[in-house]
Amino acid sequence: MLRRLPFSPWHLLLMPLALLFALPLVQMVLTAFMPDGDINRFPPRLIPSRLQLDGFIGLFTESQALRWLLNTVIVAAIAVLAQLVLCSMAGYGFARLKFFGRNAGFLMILATIMIPTQLLMIPTYVMFSRLGLIDTLAAAFVPWLASAFGIFLMRQFFLSLPAELEDAARIDGCSTFGVFWRVVLPLARPALATLTVFTLLGSWNDLIWPLVAISDESLYTMQLGLANFQGTRHTQWSLLMAGNVVATMPLIIAFVLAQRQFVATMTFSGLKG
């Protein structure tokens, strides 16, 4: 009986590629612990001569990084919660409920994915300005409250669930909202985890829109604050790399925790390549 190998030929090809893609992340972490002399020398050192925490100490003592991190957590938490609620309800409606204009409405929402974000910035800025949201923290998270991609993702997942589950729940006396809340939504945990990862990545790393809408330094998000470390004549590399490490670690932890659910959603919703 042939014993199945724990790896395939694809692993031999993908492992070097994975290491290649991981190199910038490793270099970022090493640079965050480097002395300034190692960072600014030419050619730059790949391995630090000694490890130090000056970049992290300077990040939290010479800037408002802690405030920026708190702002980013608030923006990401509100964005994720709103997307889970609004996109799951909209996706269920487009997948399971029958109403006039359902397909046309879904196609209109889907078409907005094709519009470049840059084209929407001017009308969005004018609308936010009239609402008095410019230079407030709300300006950073309101655009993330719902998304066409989130509705599409949830709809595709709900379409993969058997209709017999809902029929059985209705026979037991569940209302439409009861079927959604008690039966369908608990089964959608893989899709919800995936939507959480995508929304967290997008809102956490968003730089362009906060750069346009926020000028008060106390309202900066982490990415916007880190961008200020880069100047035309001088860049504070140790602070910048330390800030990038602090900003990246929560995303890596979130992805690792949701990795299994993420793969399951790609399989069920038909989004895999």
C-alpha atoms as a PDB file:
ATOM      1  CA  MET A   1       0.000   0.000   0.000  1.00  0.00           C
ATOM      2  CA  LEU A   2       1.428   3.315  -1.079  1.00  0.00           C
ATOM      3  CA  ARG A   3       1.851   5.828   1.671  1.00  0.00           C
ATOM      4  CA  ARG A   4       0.607   9.328   0.825  1.00  0.00           C
ATOM      5  CA  LEU A   5       3.351  11.931   1.071  1.00  0.00           C
ATOM      6  CA  PRO A   6       2.712  14.906   3.380  1.00  0.00           C
ATOM      7  CA  PHE A   7       3.527  17.284   0.500  1.00  0.00           C
ATOM      8  CA  SER A   8       2.966  17.497  -3.226  1.00  0.00           C
ATOM      9  CA  PRO A   9       5.160  18.831  -6.071  1.00  0.00           C
ATOM     10  CA  TRP A  10       3.175  22.056  -5.828  1.00  0.00           C
ATOM     11  CA  HIS A  11       4.619  22.599  -2.356  1.00  0.00           C
ATOM     12  CA  LEU A  12       8.152  22.547  -3.798  1.00  0.00           C
ATOM     13  CA  LEU A  13       7.148  25.393  -6.132  1.00  0.00           C
ATOM     14  CA  LEU A  14       5.042  27.388  -3.691  1.00  0.00           C
ATOM     15  CA  MET A  15       7.411  27.277  -0.695  1.00  0.00           C
ATOM     16  CA  PRO A  16      10.181  29.355  -2.374  1.00  0.00           C
ATOM     17  CA  LEU A  17       7.517  31.810  -3.576  1.00  0.00           C
ATOM     18  CA  ALA A  18       6.085  32.069  -0.058  1.00  0.00           C
ATOM     19  CA  LEU A  19       9.554  32.780   1.345  1.00  0.00           C
ATOM     20  CA  LEU A  20      10.115  35.388  -1.384  1.00  0.00           C
ATOM     21  CA  PHE A  21       6.874  37.205  -0.501  1.00  0.00           C
ATOM     22  CA  ALA A  22       7.705  36.991   3.223  1.00  0.00           C
ATOM     23  CA  LEU A  23      11.106  38.683   2.818  1.00  0.00           C
ATOM     24  CA  PRO A  24       9.774  42.315   2.895  1.00  0.00           C
ATOM     25  CA  LEU A  25       7.859  41.533   6.092  1.00  0.00           C
ATOM     26  CA  VAL A  26      10.949  39.982   7.710  1.00  0.00           C
ATOM     27  CA  GLN A  27      13.097  42.945   6.629  1.00  0.00           C
ATOM     28  CA  MET A  28      10.505  45.372   8.069  1.00  0.00           C
ATOM     29  CA  VAL A  29      10.637  43.620  11.453  1.00  0.00           C
ATOM     30  CA  LEU A  30      14.464  43.513  11.465  1.00  0.00           C
ATOM     31  CA  THR A  31      14.690  47.217  10.509  1.00  0.00           C
ATOM     32  CA  ALA A  32      12.331  48.133  13.359  1.00  0.00           C
ATOM     33  CA  PHE A  33      14.918  46.741  15.814  1.00  0.00           C
ATOM     34  CA  MET A  34      17.988  48.221  14.060  1.00  0.00           C
ATOM     35  CA  PRO A  35      20.064  51.142  15.389  1.00  0.00           C
ATOM     36  CA  ASP A  36      19.861  54.297  13.231  1.00  0.00           C
ATOM     37  CA  GLY A  37      23.483  53.782  12.167  1.00  0.00           C
ATOM     38  CA  ASP A  38      22.618  50.432  10.578  1.00  0.00           C
ATOM     39  CA  ILE A  39      19.509  51.821   8.861  1.00  0.00           C
ATOM     40  CA  ASN A  40      21.155  54.896   7.321  1.00  0.00           C
ATOM     41  CA  ARG A  41      24.408  53.290   6.140  1.00  0.00           C
ATOM     42  CA  PHE A  42      25.020  52.453   2.463  1.00  0.00           C
ATOM     43  CA  PRO A  43      24.712  49.737   1.419  1.00  0.00           C
ATOM     44  CA  PRO A  44      21.988  49.065   4.028  1.00  0.00           C
ATOM     45  CA  ARG A  45      22.479  46.203   6.468  1.00  0.00           C
ATOM     46  CA  LEU A  46      20.139  43.243   6.171  1.00  0.00           C
ATOM     47  CA  ILE A  47      20.940  41.895   9.644  1.00  0.00           C
ATOM     48  CA  PRO A  48      21.131  44.403  12.563  1.00  0.00           C
ATOM     49  CA  SER A  49      24.466  44.665  14.355  1.00  0.00           C
ATOM     50  CA  ARG A  50      22.475  44.720  17.607  1.00  0.00           C
ATOM     51  CA  LEU A  51      18.811  44.738  18.574  1.00  0.00           C
ATOM     52  CA  GLN A  52      17.238  47.749  20.254  1.00  0.00           C
ATOM     53  CA  LEU A  53      13.782  49.119  21.027  1.00  0.00           C
ATOM     54  CA  ASP A  54      14.486  52.813  20.331  1.00  0.00           C
ATOM     55  CA  GLY A  55      12.094  52.829  17.354  1.00  0.00           C
ATOM     56  CA  PHE A  56       9.176  51.537  19.431  1.00  0.00           C
ATOM     57  CA  ILE A  57       9.997  53.835  22.370  1.00  0.00           C
ATOM     58  CA  GLY A  58      10.220  56.851  20.050  1.00  0.00           C
ATOM     59  CA  LEU A  59       7.010  55.855  18.301  1.00  0.00           C
ATOM     60  CA  PHE A  60       4.947  56.085  21.479  1.00  0.00           C
ATOM     61  CA  THR A  61       6.802  58.990  23.147  1.00  0.00           C
ATOM     62  CA  GLU A  62       7.489  61.353  20.221  1.00  0.00           C
ATOM     63  CA  SER A  63       4.173  60.968  18.391  1.00  0.00           C
ATOM     64  CA  GLN A  64       0.480  60.372  19.051  1.00  0.00           C
ATOM     65  CA  ALA A  65       0.790  56.744  17.873  1.00  0.00           C
ATOM     66  CA  LEU A  66      -1.289  55.397  20.761  1.00  0.00           C
ATOM     67  CA  ARG A  67      -4.115  57.806  19.861  1.00  0.00           C
ATOM     68  CA  TRP A  68      -3.800  56.889  16.182  1.00  0.00           C
ATOM     69  CA  LEU A  69      -3.942  53.187  17.051  1.00  0.00           C
ATOM     70  CA  LEU A  70      -7.069  53.749  19.157  1.00  0.00           C
ATOM     71  CA  ASN A  71      -8.700  55.705  16.299  1.00  0.00           C
ATOM     72  CA  THR A  72      -7.873  52.862  13.901  1.00  0.00           C
ATOM     73  CA  VAL A  73      -9.360  50.264  16.242  1.00  0.00           C
ATOM     74  CA  ILE A  74     -12.567  52.332  16.582  1.00  0.00           C
ATOM     75  CA  VAL A  75     -12.867  52.811  12.810  1.00  0.00           C
ATOM     76  CA  ALA A  76     -12.174  49.129  12.057  1.00  0.00           C
ATOM     77  CA  ALA A  77     -14.540  47.853  14.783  1.00  0.00           C
ATOM     78  CA  ILE A  78     -17.458  50.018  13.598  1.00  0.00           C
ATOM     79  CA  ALA A  79     -16.762  49.153   9.958  1.00  0.00           C
ATOM     80  CA  VAL A  80     -16.629  45.399  10.624  1.00  0.00           C
ATOM     81  CA  LEU A  81     -19.776  45.392  12.788  1.00  0.00           C
ATOM     82  CA  ALA A  82     -21.752  47.476  10.275  1.00  0.00           C
ATOM     83  CA  GLN A  83     -20.642  45.341   7.335  1.00  0.00           C
ATOM     84  CA  LEU A  84     -21.595  42.108   9.095  1.00  0.00           C
ATOM     85  CA  VAL A  85     -25.082  43.414   9.901  1.00  0.00           C
ATOM     86  CA  LEU A  86     -25.935  45.346   6.729  1.00  0.00           C
ATOM     87  CA  CYS A  87     -24.240  43.122   4.130  1.00  0.00           C
ATOM     88  CA  SER A  88     -25.584  39.870   5.602  1.00  0.00           C
ATOM     89  CA  MET A  89     -29.155  41.243   5.660  1.00  0.00           C
ATOM     90  CA  ALA A  90     -28.864  42.648   2.126  1.00  0.00           C
ATOM     91  CA  GLY A  91     -27.202  39.467   0.843  1.00  0.00           C
ATOM     92  CA  TYR A  92     -29.951  37.310   2.343  1.00  0.00           C
ATOM     93  CA  GLY A  93     -32.613  39.518   0.792  1.00  0.00           C
ATOM     94  CA  PHE A  94     -31.080  39.303  -2.678  1.00  0.00           C
ATOM     95  CA  ALA A  95     -30.481  35.540  -2.364  1.00  0.00           C
ATOM     96  CA  ARG A  96     -33.713  34.304  -0.788  1.00  0.00           C
ATOM     97  CA  LEU A  97     -36.494  36.897  -0.811  1.00  0.00           C
ATOM     98  CA  LYS A  98     -38.612  37.548  -3.873  1.00  0.00           C
ATOM     99  CA  PHE A  99     -39.512  41.172  -4.568  1.00  0.00           C
ATOM    100  CA  PHE A 100     -39.911  43.459  -7.562  1.00  0.00           C
ATOM    101  CA  GLY A 101     -36.619  44.635  -9.040  1.00  0.00           C
ATOM    102  CA  ARG A 102     -34.490  42.194  -7.041  1.00  0.00           C
ATOM    103  CA  ASN A 103     -32.172  41.247  -9.905  1.00  0.00           C
ATOM    104  CA  ALA A 104     -31.979  44.800 -11.295  1.00  0.00           C
ATOM    105  CA  GLY A 105     -31.169  46.182  -7.863  1.00  0.00           C
ATOM    106  CA  PHE A 106     -28.466  43.600  -7.286  1.00  0.00           C
ATOM    107  CA  LEU A 107     -26.904  44.292 -10.687  1.00  0.00           C
ATOM    108  CA  MET A 108     -26.855  48.028  -9.937  1.00  0.00           C
ATOM    109  CA  ILE A 109     -25.060  47.391  -6.646  1.00  0.00           C
ATOM    110  CA  LEU A 110     -22.661  44.983  -8.346  1.00  0.00           C
ATOM    111  CA  ALA A 111     -21.882  47.564 -11.043  1.00  0.00           C
ATOM    112  CA  THR A 112     -20.560  49.989  -8.418  1.00  0.00           C
ATOM    113  CA  ILE A 113     -17.598  47.629  -7.884  1.00  0.00           C
ATOM    114  CA  MET A 114     -16.341  48.633 -11.331  1.00  0.00           C
ATOM    115  CA  ILE A 115     -16.222  52.364 -10.483  1.00  0.00           C
ATOM    116  CA  PRO A 116     -12.701  53.410  -9.408  1.00  0.00           C
ATOM    117  CA  THR A 117     -12.595  54.709  -5.849  1.00  0.00           C
ATOM    118  CA  GLN A 118     -10.761  57.842  -6.994  1.00  0.00           C
ATOM    119  CA  LEU A 119     -13.773  58.884  -9.109  1.00  0.00           C
ATOM    120  CA  LEU A 120     -16.027  58.805  -6.044  1.00  0.00           C
ATOM    121  CA  MET A 121     -13.804  60.927  -3.807  1.00  0.00           C
ATOM    122  CA  ILE A 122     -14.922  64.374  -4.994  1.00  0.00           C
ATOM    123  CA  PRO A 123     -18.701  63.701  -4.741  1.00  0.00           C
ATOM    124  CA  THR A 124     -18.130  61.879  -1.442  1.00  0.00           C
ATOM    125  CA  TYR A 125     -16.121  64.819  -0.088  1.00  0.00           C
ATOM    126  CA  VAL A 126     -18.843  67.305  -1.143  1.00  0.00           C
ATOM    127  CA  MET A 127     -21.549  65.169   0.472  1.00  0.00           C
ATOM    128  CA  PHE A 128     -19.554  64.713   3.710  1.00  0.00           C
ATOM    129  CA  SER A 129     -18.780  68.439   3.790  1.00  0.00           C
ATOM    130  CA  ARG A 130     -22.480  69.316   3.594  1.00  0.00           C
ATOM    131  CA  LEU A 131     -23.206  66.807   6.370  1.00  0.00           C
ATOM    132  CA  GLY A 132     -20.470  68.313   8.562  1.00  0.00           C
ATOM    133  CA  LEU A 133     -18.481  65.062   8.695  1.00  0.00           C
ATOM    134  CA  ILE A 134     -15.199  66.369   7.283  1.00  0.00           C
ATOM    135  CA  ASP A 135     -12.366  66.370   9.853  1.00  0.00           C
ATOM    136  CA  THR A 136     -14.253  64.034  12.184  1.00  0.00           C
ATOM    137  CA  LEU A 137     -13.566  60.388  13.023  1.00  0.00           C
ATOM    138  CA  ALA A 138     -16.903  59.492  11.406  1.00  0.00           C
ATOM    139  CA  ALA A 139     -15.440  60.518   8.050  1.00  0.00           C
ATOM    140  CA  ALA A 140     -13.048  57.551   8.300  1.00  0.00           C
ATOM    141  CA  PHE A 141     -15.616  54.823   8.987  1.00  0.00           C
ATOM    142  CA  VAL A 142     -18.866  55.962   7.275  1.00  0.00           C
ATOM    143  CA  PRO A 143     -17.647  54.913   3.774  1.00  0.00           C
ATOM    144  CA  TRP A 144     -17.008  51.420   5.196  1.00  0.00           C
ATOM    145  CA  LEU A 145     -20.458  50.824   6.690  1.00  0.00           C
ATOM    146  CA  ALA A 146     -21.548  48.707   3.698  1.00  0.00           C
ATOM    147  CA  SER A 147     -19.963  47.564   0.450  1.00  0.00           C
ATOM    148  CA  ALA A 148     -21.040  46.010  -2.828  1.00  0.00           C
ATOM    149  CA  PHE A 149     -18.413  43.290  -2.421  1.00  0.00           C
ATOM    150  CA  GLY A 150     -19.738  42.380   1.022  1.00  0.00           C
ATOM    151  CA  ILE A 151     -23.305  42.078  -0.305  1.00  0.00           C
ATOM    152  CA  PHE A 152     -22.073  39.982  -3.237  1.00  0.00           C
ATOM    153  CA  LEU A 153     -20.030  37.685  -0.973  1.00  0.00           C
ATOM    154  CA  MET A 154     -22.906  37.067   1.450  1.00  0.00           C
ATOM    155  CA  ARG A 155     -25.424  36.550  -1.375  1.00  0.00           C
ATOM    156  CA  GLN A 156     -23.207  33.933  -3.010  1.00  0.00           C
ATOM    157  CA  PHE A 157     -22.849  32.062   0.272  1.00  0.00           C
ATOM    158  CA  PHE A 158     -26.582  32.156   1.040  1.00  0.00           C
ATOM    159  CA  LEU A 159     -27.327  30.777  -2.443  1.00  0.00           C
ATOM    160  CA  SER A 160     -25.216  27.695  -1.598  1.00  0.00           C
ATOM    161  CA  LEU A 161     -27.395  26.795   1.417  1.00  0.00           C
ATOM    162  CA  PRO A 162     -30.240  24.276   0.815  1.00  0.00           C
ATOM    163  CA  ALA A 163     -33.716  25.857   0.747  1.00  0.00           C
ATOM    164  CA  GLU A 164     -35.095  22.878   2.713  1.00  0.00           C
ATOM    165  CA  LEU A 165     -33.578  24.282   5.902  1.00  0.00           C
ATOM    166  CA  GLU A 166     -35.650  27.452   5.596  1.00  0.00           C
ATOM    167  CA  ASP A 167     -38.784  25.516   4.623  1.00  0.00           C
ATOM    168  CA  ALA A 168     -38.438  23.337   7.741  1.00  0.00           C
ATOM    169  CA  ALA A 169     -37.993  26.426   9.928  1.00  0.00           C
ATOM    170  CA  ARG A 170     -41.077  28.096   8.441  1.00  0.00           C
ATOM    171  CA  ILE A 171     -43.137  24.926   9.067  1.00  0.00           C
ATOM    172  CA  ASP A 172     -42.013  25.174  12.698  1.00  0.00           C
ATOM    173  CA  GLY A 173     -43.418  28.697  12.830  1.00  0.00           C
ATOM    174  CA  CYS A 174     -40.344  30.889  12.234  1.00  0.00           C
ATOM    175  CA  SER A 175     -40.901  34.294  10.653  1.00  0.00           C
ATOM    176  CA  THR A 176     -38.692  35.488   7.787  1.00  0.00           C
ATOM    177  CA  PHE A 177     -36.418  37.340  10.201  1.00  0.00           C
ATOM    178  CA  GLY A 178     -36.430  34.319  12.533  1.00  0.00           C
ATOM    179  CA  VAL A 179     -35.266  32.064   9.693  1.00  0.00           C
ATOM    180  CA  PHE A 180     -32.499  34.526   8.883  1.00  0.00           C
ATOM    181  CA  TRP A 181     -31.397  35.080  12.490  1.00  0.00           C
ATOM    182  CA  ARG A 182     -31.801  31.581  13.973  1.00  0.00           C
ATOM    183  CA  VAL A 183     -31.132  29.269  11.019  1.00  0.00           C
ATOM    184  CA  VAL A 184     -29.271  30.940   8.172  1.00  0.00           C
ATOM    185  CA  LEU A 185     -26.940  33.349   9.976  1.00  0.00           C
ATOM    186  CA  PRO A 186     -25.332  30.709  12.277  1.00  0.00           C
ATOM    187  CA  LEU A 187     -24.503  28.653   9.172  1.00  0.00           C
ATOM    188  CA  ALA A 188     -22.867  31.678   7.552  1.00  0.00           C
ATOM    189  CA  ARG A 189     -19.983  31.920  10.040  1.00  0.00           C
ATOM    190  CA  PRO A 190     -17.314  31.136   7.367  1.00  0.00           C
ATOM    191  CA  ALA A 191     -18.644  33.913   5.120  1.00  0.00           C
ATOM    192  CA  LEU A 192     -18.929  36.319   8.053  1.00  0.00           C
ATOM    193  CA  ALA A 193     -15.329  35.544   9.069  1.00  0.00           C
ATOM    194  CA  THR A 194     -14.157  36.197   5.521  1.00  0.00           C
ATOM    195  CA  LEU A 195     -16.090  39.461   5.330  1.00  0.00           C
ATOM    196  CA  THR A 196     -14.524  40.423   8.675  1.00  0.00           C
ATOM    197  CA  VAL A 197     -11.024  39.831   7.317  1.00  0.00           C
ATOM    198  CA  PHE A 198     -11.639  41.807   4.106  1.00  0.00           C
ATOM    199  CA  THR A 199     -13.307  44.706   5.915  1.00  0.00           C
ATOM    200  CA  LEU A 200     -10.633  44.774   8.609  1.00  0.00           C
ATOM    201  CA  LEU A 201      -7.883  44.826   5.985  1.00  0.00           C
ATOM    202  CA  GLY A 202      -9.558  47.571   3.958  1.00  0.00           C
ATOM    203  CA  SER A 203     -10.519  49.910   6.788  1.00  0.00           C
ATOM    204  CA  TRP A 204      -7.275  49.342   8.751  1.00  0.00           C
ATOM    205  CA  ASN A 205      -5.007  50.047   5.779  1.00  0.00           C
ATOM    206  CA  ASP A 206      -7.056  52.850   4.221  1.00  0.00           C
ATOM    207  CA  LEU A 207      -4.822  55.871   3.652  1.00  0.00           C
ATOM    208  CA  ILE A 208      -6.091  57.916   0.685  1.00  0.00           C
ATOM    209  CA  TRP A 209      -9.574  58.779   1.984  1.00  0.00           C
ATOM    210  CA  PRO A 210      -8.467  59.704   5.554  1.00  0.00           C
ATOM    211  CA  LEU A 211      -5.695  61.801   3.952  1.00  0.00           C
ATOM    212  CA  VAL A 212      -8.381  63.765   2.076  1.00  0.00           C
ATOM    213  CA  ALA A 213     -11.002  63.979   4.824  1.00  0.00           C
ATOM    214  CA  ILE A 214      -8.993  64.410   8.069  1.00  0.00           C
ATOM    215  CA  SER A 215      -6.492  67.148   8.921  1.00  0.00           C
ATOM    216  CA  ASP A 216      -6.646  67.157  12.746  1.00  0.00           C
ATOM    217  CA  GLU A 217      -3.629  65.129  13.949  1.00  0.00           C
ATOM    218  CA  SER A 218      -5.517  63.808  16.982  1.00  0.00           C
ATOM    219  CA  LEU A 219      -8.018  62.177  14.586  1.00  0.00           C
ATOM    220  CA  TYR A 220      -5.423  60.484  12.391  1.00  0.00           C
ATOM    221  CA  THR A 221      -5.630  56.762  11.797  1.00  0.00           C
ATOM    222  CA  MET A 222      -2.437  54.703  12.170  1.00  0.00           C
ATOM    223  CA  GLN A 223      -1.690  54.626   8.438  1.00  0.00           C
ATOM    224  CA  LEU A 224      -2.205  58.376   8.104  1.00  0.00           C
ATOM    225  CA  GLY A 225       0.018  59.061  11.107  1.00  0.00           C
ATOM    226  CA  LEU A 226       2.775  56.788   9.788  1.00  0.00           C
ATOM    227  CA  ALA A 227       2.708  58.590   6.444  1.00  0.00           C
ATOM    228  CA  ASN A 228       3.801  61.753   8.273  1.00  0.00           C
ATOM    229  CA  PHE A 229       7.086  60.099   9.254  1.00  0.00           C
ATOM    230  CA  GLN A 230       8.097  60.256   5.589  1.00  0.00           C
ATOM    231  CA  GLY A 231       9.412  63.667   4.547  1.00  0.00           C
ATOM    232  CA  THR A 232      10.858  65.023   1.316  1.00  0.00           C
ATOM    233  CA  ARG A 233      14.318  65.420   2.875  1.00  0.00           C
ATOM    234  CA  HIS A 234      14.292  63.103   5.871  1.00  0.00           C
ATOM    235  CA  THR A 235      12.442  59.927   6.781  1.00  0.00           C
ATOM    236  CA  GLN A 236      12.315  58.605  10.337  1.00  0.00           C
ATOM    237  CA  TRP A 237      12.906  55.002   9.323  1.00  0.00           C
ATOM    238  CA  SER A 238      13.145  53.496  12.806  1.00  0.00           C
ATOM    239  CA  LEU A 239       9.818  55.049  13.861  1.00  0.00           C
ATOM    240  CA  LEU A 240       8.228  54.216  10.514  1.00  0.00           C
ATOM    241  CA  MET A 241       9.252  50.562  10.618  1.00  0.00           C
ATOM    242  CA  ALA A 242       8.265  50.209  14.282  1.00  0.00           C
ATOM    243  CA  GLY A 243       4.865  51.745  13.479  1.00  0.00           C
ATOM    244  CA  ASN A 244       4.416  49.372  10.552  1.00  0.00           C
ATOM    245  CA  VAL A 245       5.143  46.398  12.817  1.00  0.00           C
ATOM    246  CA  VAL A 246       2.575  47.634  15.366  1.00  0.00           C
ATOM    247  CA  ALA A 247       0.019  48.252  12.584  1.00  0.00           C
ATOM    248  CA  THR A 248       0.600  44.925  10.840  1.00  0.00           C
ATOM    249  CA  MET A 249       0.559  42.483  13.750  1.00  0.00           C
ATOM    250  CA  PRO A 250      -3.222  42.729  14.485  1.00  0.00           C
ATOM    251  CA  LEU A 251      -3.994  41.981  10.827  1.00  0.00           C
ATOM    252  CA  ILE A 252      -1.742  38.919  10.764  1.00  0.00           C
ATOM    253  CA  ILE A 253      -3.314  37.596  13.983  1.00  0.00           C
ATOM    254  CA  ALA A 254      -6.841  38.174  12.604  1.00  0.00           C
ATOM    255  CA  PHE A 255      -6.007  36.366   9.366  1.00  0.00           C
ATOM    256  CA  VAL A 256      -4.443  33.395  11.173  1.00  0.00           C
ATOM    257  CA  LEU A 257      -7.509  33.062  13.425  1.00  0.00           C
ATOM    258  CA  ALA A 258      -9.940  33.246  10.464  1.00  0.00           C
ATOM    259  CA  GLN A 259      -7.834  31.287   7.941  1.00  0.00           C
ATOM    260  CA  ARG A 260      -9.881  28.081   8.104  1.00  0.00           C
ATOM    261  CA  GLN A 261     -13.189  29.942   7.710  1.00  0.00           C
ATOM    262  CA  PHE A 262     -11.672  32.050   4.924  1.00  0.00           C
ATOM    263  CA  VAL A 263     -10.785  28.974   2.827  1.00  0.00           C
ATOM    264  CA  ALA A 264     -14.208  27.410   3.484  1.00  0.00           C
ATOM    265  CA  THR A 265     -15.968  30.535   2.175  1.00  0.00           C
ATOM    266  CA  MET A 266     -13.879  30.632  -0.985  1.00  0.00           C
ATOM    267  CA  THR A 267     -14.960  27.037  -1.651  1.00  0.00           C
ATOM    268  CA  PHE A 268     -18.687  27.458  -0.917  1.00  0.00           C
ATOM    269  CA  SER A 269     -19.190  30.836  -2.589  1.00  0.00           C
ATOM    270  CA  GLY A 270     -17.325  29.923  -5.783  1.00  0.00           C
ATOM    271  CA  LEU A 271     -14.839  32.814  -5.406  1.00  0.00           C
ATOM    272  CA  LYS A 272     -11.749  30.635  -5.650  1.00  0.00           C
ATOM    273  CA  GLY A 273      -9.666  30.957  -8.800  1.00  0.00           C
END
